[in-house]
PDB file of N, CA and C in Angstrom:
ATOM      1  N   MET A   1      15.139 -16.938  10.700  1.00  0.00           N
ATOM      2  CA  MET A   1      15.246 -16.097   9.499  1.00  0.00           C
ATOM      3  C   MET A   1      13.833 -16.199   8.799  1.00  0.00           C
ATOM      4  N   LYS A   2      13.280 -15.171   8.198  1.00  0.00           N
ATOM      5  CA  LYS A   2      12.071 -15.389   7.661  1.00  0.00           C
ATOM      6  C   LYS A   2      12.054 -14.935   6.108  1.00  0.00           C
ATOM      7  N   ILE A   3      11.707 -15.500   5.166  1.00  0.00           N
ATOM      8  CA  ILE A   3      11.546 -15.221   3.714  1.00  0.00           C
ATOM      9  C   ILE A   3      10.078 -15.270   3.142  1.00  0.00           C
ATOM     10  N   THR A   4      10.011 -14.161   2.497  1.00  0.00           N
ATOM     11  CA  THR A   4       8.514 -13.941   1.896  1.00  0.00           C
ATOM     12  C   THR A   4       8.769 -14.011   0.449  1.00  0.00           C
ATOM     13  N   ILE A   5       7.827 -14.763  -0.094  1.00  0.00           N
ATOM     14  CA  ILE A   5       7.811 -14.917  -1.471  1.00  0.00           C
ATOM     15  C   ILE A   5       6.406 -14.524  -1.847  1.00  0.00           C
ATOM     16  N   GLU A   6       6.291 -13.650  -2.968  1.00  0.00           N
ATOM     17  CA  GLU A   6       4.998 -13.228  -3.381  1.00  0.00           C
ATOM     18  C   GLU A   6       4.881 -13.689  -4.854  1.00  0.00           C
ATOM     19  N   THR A   7       3.865 -14.343  -5.098  1.00  0.00           N
ATOM     20  CA  THR A   7       3.590 -14.896  -6.482  1.00  0.00           C
ATOM     21  C   THR A   7       2.007 -14.939  -6.508  1.00  0.00           C
ATOM     22  N   ASP A   8       1.723 -14.831  -8.178  1.00  0.00           N
ATOM     23  CA  ASP A   8       0.226 -15.074  -8.505  1.00  0.00           C
ATOM     24  C   ASP A   8       0.069 -16.566  -9.052  1.00  0.00           C
ATOM     25  N   ASN A   9       1.387 -17.297  -9.290  1.00  0.00           N
ATOM     26  CA  ASN A   9       1.237 -18.499  -9.858  1.00  0.00           C
ATOM     27  C   ASN A   9       1.232 -19.606  -8.830  1.00  0.00           C
ATOM     28  N   GLN A  10       0.306 -20.102  -8.826  1.00  0.00           N
ATOM     29  CA  GLN A  10      -0.068 -21.212  -7.541  1.00  0.00           C
ATOM     30  C   GLN A  10       0.881 -22.437  -8.034  1.00  0.00           C
ATOM     31  N   ALA A  11       0.917 -22.829  -9.308  1.00  0.00           N
ATOM     32  CA  ALA A  11       1.667 -24.062  -9.701  1.00  0.00           C
ATOM     33  C   ALA A  11       3.097 -23.857  -9.574  1.00  0.00           C
ATOM     34  N   GLU A  12       3.634 -22.603  -9.510  1.00  0.00           N
ATOM     35  CA  GLU A  12       5.059 -22.354  -9.403  1.00  0.00           C
ATOM     36  C   GLU A  12       5.248 -22.402  -7.827  1.00  0.00           C
ATOM     37  N   LEU A  13       4.375 -21.852  -6.891  1.00  0.00           N
ATOM     38  CA  LEU A  13       4.512 -21.947  -5.580  1.00  0.00           C
ATOM     39  C   LEU A  13       4.420 -23.532  -5.265  1.00  0.00           C
ATOM     40  N   ASP A  14       3.682 -24.248  -5.628  1.00  0.00           N
ATOM     41  CA  ASP A  14       3.489 -25.729  -5.155  1.00  0.00           C
ATOM     42  C   ASP A  14       4.677 -26.375  -5.636  1.00  0.00           C
ATOM     43  N   GLN A  15       5.183 -26.338  -6.635  1.00  0.00           N
ATOM     44  CA  GLN A  15       6.638 -26.792  -7.066  1.00  0.00           C
ATOM     45  C   GLN A  15       7.758 -26.381  -6.292  1.00  0.00           C
ATOM     46  N   LEU A  16       7.737 -25.148  -5.888  1.00  0.00           N
ATOM     47  CA  LEU A  16       8.758 -24.797  -4.923  1.00  0.00           C
ATOM     48  C   LEU A  16       8.547 -25.238  -3.476  1.00  0.00           C
ATOM     49  N   MET A  17       7.518 -25.467  -2.939  1.00  0.00           N
ATOM     50  CA  MET A  17       7.022 -26.184  -1.746  1.00  0.00           C
ATOM     51  C   MET A  17       7.577 -27.391  -1.638  1.00  0.00           C
ATOM     52  N   ARG A  18       7.085 -28.236  -2.770  1.00  0.00           N
ATOM     53  CA  ARG A  18       7.604 -29.648  -2.885  1.00  0.00           C
ATOM     54  C   ARG A  18       9.053 -29.791  -2.882  1.00  0.00           C
ATOM     55  N   TRP A  19       9.786 -28.934  -3.565  1.00  0.00           N
ATOM     56  CA  TRP A  19      11.354 -28.976  -3.576  1.00  0.00           C
ATOM     57  C   TRP A  19      12.017 -28.715  -2.371  1.00  0.00           C
ATOM     58  N   LEU A  20      11.388 -27.634  -1.558  1.00  0.00           N
ATOM     59  CA  LEU A  20      11.833 -27.374  -0.153  1.00  0.00           C
ATOM     60  C   LEU A  20      11.527 -28.431   0.875  1.00  0.00           C
ATOM     61  N   GLU A  21      10.613 -29.089   0.646  1.00  0.00           N
ATOM     62  CA  GLU A  21      10.231 -30.267   1.603  1.00  0.00           C
ATOM     63  C   GLU A  21      11.060 -31.443   1.212  1.00  0.00           C
ATOM     64  N   GLU A  22      11.166 -31.590   0.026  1.00  0.00           N
ATOM     65  CA  GLU A  22      12.105 -32.811  -0.381  1.00  0.00           C
ATOM     66  C   GLU A  22      13.358 -32.805  -0.071  1.00  0.00           C
ATOM     67  N   HIS A  23      14.125 -31.615   0.175  1.00  0.00           N
ATOM     68  CA  HIS A  23      15.397 -31.330   0.241  1.00  0.00           C
ATOM     69  C   HIS A  23      15.611 -30.934   1.818  1.00  0.00           C
ATOM     70  N   ASN A  24      14.553 -30.890   2.692  1.00  0.00           N
ATOM     71  CA  ASN A  24      14.567 -30.653   4.144  1.00  0.00           C
ATOM     72  C   ASN A  24      15.163 -29.345   4.438  1.00  0.00           C
ATOM     73  N   PHE A  25      15.001 -28.376   3.540  1.00  0.00           N
ATOM     74  CA  PHE A  25      15.638 -27.155   3.805  1.00  0.00           C
ATOM     75  C   PHE A  25      14.799 -26.236   5.127  1.00  0.00           C
ATOM     76  N   LEU A  26      13.631 -26.590   5.215  1.00  0.00           N
ATOM     77  CA  LEU A  26      12.871 -25.792   6.134  1.00  0.00           C
ATOM     78  C   LEU A  26      12.424 -26.751   7.315  1.00  0.00           C
ATOM     79  N   GLU A  27      12.250 -26.360   8.483  1.00  0.00           N
ATOM     80  CA  GLU A  27      11.678 -27.202   9.481  1.00  0.00           C
ATOM     81  C   GLU A  27      10.191 -26.673   9.688  1.00  0.00           C
ATOM     82  N   LYS A  28       9.986 -25.489   9.345  1.00  0.00           N
ATOM     83  CA  LYS A  28       8.554 -25.111   9.243  1.00  0.00           C
ATOM     84  C   LYS A  28       8.313 -24.161   8.248  1.00  0.00           C
ATOM     85  N   ILE A  29       7.094 -24.834   7.295  1.00  0.00           N
ATOM     86  CA  ILE A  29       6.774 -23.877   6.308  1.00  0.00           C
ATOM     87  C   ILE A  29       5.342 -23.297   6.759  1.00  0.00           C
ATOM     88  N   GLN A  30       5.035 -22.062   6.481  1.00  0.00           N
ATOM     89  CA  GLN A  30       3.695 -21.302   6.620  1.00  0.00           C
ATOM     90  C   GLN A  30       3.429 -20.652   5.377  1.00  0.00           C
ATOM     91  N   ILE A  31       2.180 -20.952   5.033  1.00  0.00           N
ATOM     92  CA  ILE A  31       1.607 -19.988   3.968  1.00  0.00           C
ATOM     93  C   ILE A  31       0.597 -19.310   4.397  1.00  0.00           C
ATOM     94  N   ALA A  32       0.800 -18.013   4.296  1.00  0.00           N
ATOM     95  CA  ALA A  32      -0.071 -16.935   4.461  1.00  0.00           C
ATOM     96  C   ALA A  32      -0.658 -16.206   3.286  1.00  0.00           C
ATOM     97  N   LYS A  33      -2.035 -16.327   2.937  1.00  0.00           N
ATOM     98  CA  LYS A  33      -2.664 -15.633   1.936  1.00  0.00           C
ATOM     99  C   LYS A  33      -2.911 -14.363   2.158  1.00  0.00           C
ATOM    100  N   PRO A  34      -2.546 -13.184   1.428  1.00  0.00           N
ATOM    101  CA  PRO A  34      -2.837 -11.774   1.802  1.00  0.00           C
ATOM    102  C   PRO A  34      -4.410 -11.594   1.993  1.00  0.00           C
ATOM    103  N   GLU A  35      -4.522 -10.811   2.861  1.00  0.00           N
ATOM    104  CA  GLU A  35      -6.110 -10.325   3.175  1.00  0.00           C
ATOM    105  C   GLU A  35      -6.348  -9.574   1.942  1.00  0.00           C
ATOM    106  N   LYS A  36      -7.707  -9.537   1.732  1.00  0.00           N
ATOM    107  CA  LYS A  36      -8.172  -8.758   0.683  1.00  0.00           C
ATOM    108  C   LYS A  36      -8.404  -7.423   1.144  1.00  0.00           C
ATOM    109  N   PRO A  37      -8.125  -6.416   0.190  1.00  0.00           N
ATOM    110  CA  PRO A  37      -8.224  -5.008   0.767  1.00  0.00           C
ATOM    111  C   PRO A  37      -9.707  -4.691   1.204  1.00  0.00           C
ATOM    112  N   GLN A  38      -9.678  -3.879   2.067  1.00  0.00           N
ATOM    113  CA  GLN A  38     -11.164  -3.480   2.449  1.00  0.00           C
ATOM    114  C   GLN A  38     -11.509  -2.276   1.492  1.00  0.00           C
ATOM    115  N   LEU A  39     -12.930  -2.363   0.964  1.00  0.00           N
ATOM    116  CA  LEU A  39     -13.270  -1.430  -0.073  1.00  0.00           C
ATOM    117  C   LEU A  39     -13.871  -0.459   0.848  1.00  0.00           C
ATOM    118  N   PRO A  40     -13.842   0.646   0.089  1.00  0.00           N
ATOM    119  CA  PRO A  40     -14.325   1.817   0.838  1.00  0.00           C
ATOM    120  C   PRO A  40     -15.822   2.139   0.894  1.00  0.00           C
ATOM    121  N   ASN A  41     -16.360   2.653   2.035  1.00  0.00           N
ATOM    122  CA  ASN A  41     -17.659   2.665   1.969  1.00  0.00           C
ATOM    123  C   ASN A  41     -18.229   3.913   1.371  1.00  0.00           C
ATOM    124  N   ILE A  42     -19.027   3.273   0.344  1.00  0.00           N
ATOM    125  CA  ILE A  42     -19.477   4.374  -0.677  1.00  0.00           C
ATOM    126  C   ILE A  42     -20.949   4.510  -0.311  1.00  0.00           C
ATOM    127  N   GLN A  43     -21.270   5.914  -0.398  1.00  0.00           N
ATOM    128  CA  GLN A  43     -22.918   6.027  -0.278  1.00  0.00           C
ATOM    129  C   GLN A  43     -23.177   6.923  -1.282  1.00  0.00           C
ATOM    130  N   ARG A  44     -24.415   6.768  -1.805  1.00  0.00           N
ATOM    131  CA  ARG A  44     -25.125   7.534  -2.839  1.00  0.00           C
ATOM    132  C   ARG A  44     -25.303   8.957  -2.520  1.00  0.00           C
ATOM    133  N   GLY A  45     -25.020   9.668  -3.522  1.00  0.00           N
ATOM    134  CA  GLY A  45     -25.263  11.128  -3.246  1.00  0.00           C
ATOM    135  C   GLY A  45     -26.726  11.641  -3.149  1.00  0.00           C
ATOM    136  N   ASP A  46     -26.990  12.790  -2.579  1.00  0.00           N
ATOM    137  CA  ASP A  46     -28.194  13.419  -2.325  1.00  0.00           C
ATOM    138  C   ASP A  46     -28.753  13.707  -3.555  1.00  0.00           C
ATOM    139  N   LYS A  47     -29.782  13.132  -4.138  1.00  0.00           N
ATOM    140  CA  LYS A  47     -30.521  13.266  -5.202  1.00  0.00           C
ATOM    141  C   LYS A  47     -31.503  14.383  -5.261  1.00  0.00           C
ATOM    142  N   SER A  48     -31.898  15.051  -4.137  1.00  0.00           N
ATOM    143  CA  SER A  48     -32.642  15.970  -3.804  1.00  0.00           C
ATOM    144  C   SER A  48     -32.052  17.345  -4.443  1.00  0.00           C
ATOM    145  N   VAL A  49     -30.776  17.518  -4.535  1.00  0.00           N
ATOM    146  CA  VAL A  49     -30.093  18.734  -4.963  1.00  0.00           C
ATOM    147  C   VAL A  49     -30.318  18.845  -6.373  1.00  0.00           C
ATOM    148  N   ASP A  50     -30.947  19.915  -6.794  1.00  0.00           N
ATOM    149  CA  ASP A  50     -30.984  20.273  -8.210  1.00  0.00           C
ATOM    150  C   ASP A  50     -29.766  20.960  -8.976  1.00  0.00           C
ATOM    151  N   PRO A  51     -28.985  20.262  -9.652  1.00  0.00           N
ATOM    152  CA  PRO A  51     -27.595  20.679 -10.077  1.00  0.00           C
ATOM    153  C   PRO A  51     -27.902  21.939 -11.026  1.00  0.00           C
ATOM    154  N   ARG A  52     -29.108  22.011 -11.604  1.00  0.00           N
ATOM    155  CA  ARG A  52     -29.360  23.417 -12.623  1.00  0.00           C
ATOM    156  C   ARG A  52     -29.100  24.568 -11.571  1.00  0.00           C
ATOM    157  N   GLY A  53     -29.309  24.492 -10.292  1.00  0.00           N
ATOM    158  CA  GLY A  53     -28.853  25.716  -9.564  1.00  0.00           C
ATOM    159  C   GLY A  53     -27.547  26.350  -9.779  1.00  0.00           C
ATOM    160  N   LEU A  54     -26.683  25.205 -10.107  1.00  0.00           N
ATOM    161  CA  LEU A  54     -25.217  25.815 -10.381  1.00  0.00           C
ATOM    162  C   LEU A  54     -24.878  26.059 -11.477  1.00  0.00           C
ATOM    163  N   GLU A  55     -25.735  26.252 -12.503  1.00  0.00           N
ATOM    164  CA  GLU A  55     -25.464  26.670 -13.957  1.00  0.00           C
ATOM    165  C   GLU A  55     -25.155  28.147 -13.864  1.00  0.00           C
ATOM    166  N   GLY A  56     -24.203  28.585 -14.582  1.00  0.00           N
ATOM    167  CA  GLY A  56     -23.880  29.959 -14.512  1.00  0.00           C
ATOM    168  C   GLY A  56     -23.057  30.584 -13.019  1.00  0.00           C
ATOM    169  N   MET A  57     -22.610  29.743 -12.355  1.00  0.00           N
ATOM    170  CA  MET A  57     -22.112  30.234 -11.128  1.00  0.00           C
ATOM    171  C   MET A  57     -20.838  31.016 -11.204  1.00  0.00           C
ATOM    172  N   TRP A  58     -20.121  30.862 -12.365  1.00  0.00           N
ATOM    173  CA  TRP A  58     -18.959  31.617 -12.580  1.00  0.00           C
ATOM    174  C   TRP A  58     -19.147  32.556 -13.796  1.00  0.00           C
ATOM    175  N   LYS A  59     -20.272  33.001 -13.961  1.00  0.00           N
ATOM    176  CA  LYS A  59     -20.393  33.757 -15.354  1.00  0.00           C
ATOM    177  C   LYS A  59     -19.906  35.204 -15.032  1.00  0.00           C
ATOM    178  N   ASP A  60     -19.984  35.629 -13.750  1.00  0.00           N
ATOM    179  CA  ASP A  60     -19.461  37.111 -13.333  1.00  0.00           C
ATOM    180  C   ASP A  60     -17.961  36.856 -12.932  1.00  0.00           C
ATOM    181  N   ASN A  61     -17.498  35.824 -12.862  1.00  0.00           N
ATOM    182  CA  ASN A  61     -15.976  35.599 -12.366  1.00  0.00           C
ATOM    183  C   ASN A  61     -15.381  34.451 -13.296  1.00  0.00           C
ATOM    184  N   PRO A  62     -15.210  34.555 -14.595  1.00  0.00           N
ATOM    185  CA  PRO A  62     -14.762  33.448 -15.542  1.00  0.00           C
ATOM    186  C   PRO A  62     -13.256  33.001 -15.003  1.00  0.00           C
ATOM    187  N   ARG A  63     -13.159  31.649 -15.213  1.00  0.00           N
ATOM    188  CA  ARG A  63     -12.096  30.794 -14.867  1.00  0.00           C
ATOM    189  C   ARG A  63     -11.268  30.403 -15.936  1.00  0.00           C
ATOM    190  N   THR A  64     -10.080  30.295 -15.964  1.00  0.00           N
ATOM    191  CA  THR A  64      -9.276  29.567 -17.062  1.00  0.00           C
ATOM    192  C   THR A  64      -8.650  28.386 -16.372  1.00  0.00           C
ATOM    193  N   LEU A  65      -8.222  27.469 -17.035  1.00  0.00           N
ATOM    194  CA  LEU A  65      -7.395  26.306 -16.654  1.00  0.00           C
ATOM    195  C   LEU A  65      -5.974  26.767 -16.083  1.00  0.00           C
ATOM    196  N   GLU A  66      -5.244  27.883 -16.583  1.00  0.00           N
ATOM    197  CA  GLU A  66      -4.039  28.279 -16.168  1.00  0.00           C
ATOM    198  C   GLU A  66      -4.184  29.202 -14.878  1.00  0.00           C
ATOM    199  N   GLY A  67      -5.532  29.931 -14.859  1.00  0.00           N
ATOM    200  CA  GLY A  67      -5.541  30.559 -13.475  1.00  0.00           C
ATOM    201  C   GLY A  67      -5.963  29.673 -12.457  1.00  0.00           C
ATOM    202  N   ILE A  68      -6.476  28.635 -12.517  1.00  0.00           N
ATOM    203  CA  ILE A  68      -6.973  27.797 -11.499  1.00  0.00           C
ATOM    204  C   ILE A  68      -5.579  27.084 -11.046  1.00  0.00           C
ATOM    205  N   ARG A  69      -4.672  26.516 -12.042  1.00  0.00           N
ATOM    206  CA  ARG A  69      -3.387  26.147 -11.646  1.00  0.00           C
ATOM    207  C   ARG A  69      -2.520  27.118 -10.880  1.00  0.00           C
ATOM    208  N   LYS A  70      -2.510  28.368 -11.276  1.00  0.00           N
ATOM    209  CA  LYS A  70      -1.832  29.289 -10.677  1.00  0.00           C
ATOM    210  C   LYS A  70      -2.277  29.539  -9.304  1.00  0.00           C
ATOM    211  N   ALA A  71      -3.556  29.522  -9.193  1.00  0.00           N
ATOM    212  CA  ALA A  71      -4.193  29.574  -7.742  1.00  0.00           C
ATOM    213  C   ALA A  71      -3.676  28.501  -6.880  1.00  0.00           C
ATOM    214  N   ALA A  72      -3.779  27.391  -7.273  1.00  0.00           N
ATOM    215  CA  ALA A  72      -3.590  25.939  -6.730  1.00  0.00           C
ATOM    216  C   ALA A  72      -2.002  25.848  -6.392  1.00  0.00           C
ATOM    217  N   TRP A  73      -1.205  26.208  -7.318  1.00  0.00           N
ATOM    218  CA  TRP A  73       0.148  25.947  -7.235  1.00  0.00           C
ATOM    219  C   TRP A  73       1.096  26.981  -6.922  1.00  0.00           C
ATOM    220  N   GLY A  74       0.720  28.295  -7.342  1.00  0.00           N
ATOM    221  CA  GLY A  74       1.376  29.556  -7.129  1.00  0.00           C
ATOM    222  C   GLY A  74       2.666  29.350  -7.920  1.00  0.00           C
ATOM    223  N   ASP A  75       3.915  29.636  -7.472  1.00  0.00           N
ATOM    224  CA  ASP A  75       5.085  29.713  -7.990  1.00  0.00           C
ATOM    225  C   ASP A  75       5.596  28.345  -8.174  1.00  0.00           C
ATOM    226  N   ARG A  76       5.135  27.266  -7.637  1.00  0.00           N
ATOM    227  CA  ARG A  76       5.780  25.950  -7.670  1.00  0.00           C
ATOM    228  C   ARG A  76       5.644  25.341  -9.034  1.00  0.00           C
ATOM    229  N   LEU A  77       4.983  25.887  -9.994  1.00  0.00           N
ATOM    230  CA  LEU A  77       4.848  25.431 -11.346  1.00  0.00           C
ATOM    231  C   LEU A  77       6.250  25.519 -11.983  1.00  0.00           C
TER     232      LEU A  77
END
């Protein structure tokens, strides 16, 4: 049988381990620390693009938040 205990309190874990060892509850005790999550590979953006070229791109086709939601979600709203 395998039991998993997750805790952030090291003192409580140490106390529990001592108690289990003193009372011979376990033949074998293993402590596995969780692996640190791998951070995503982040790359800097292309700074050569001039964002001013995007200004006014919707001037001939104005958008509303409600219209964007309707286009994305359809009748599911």
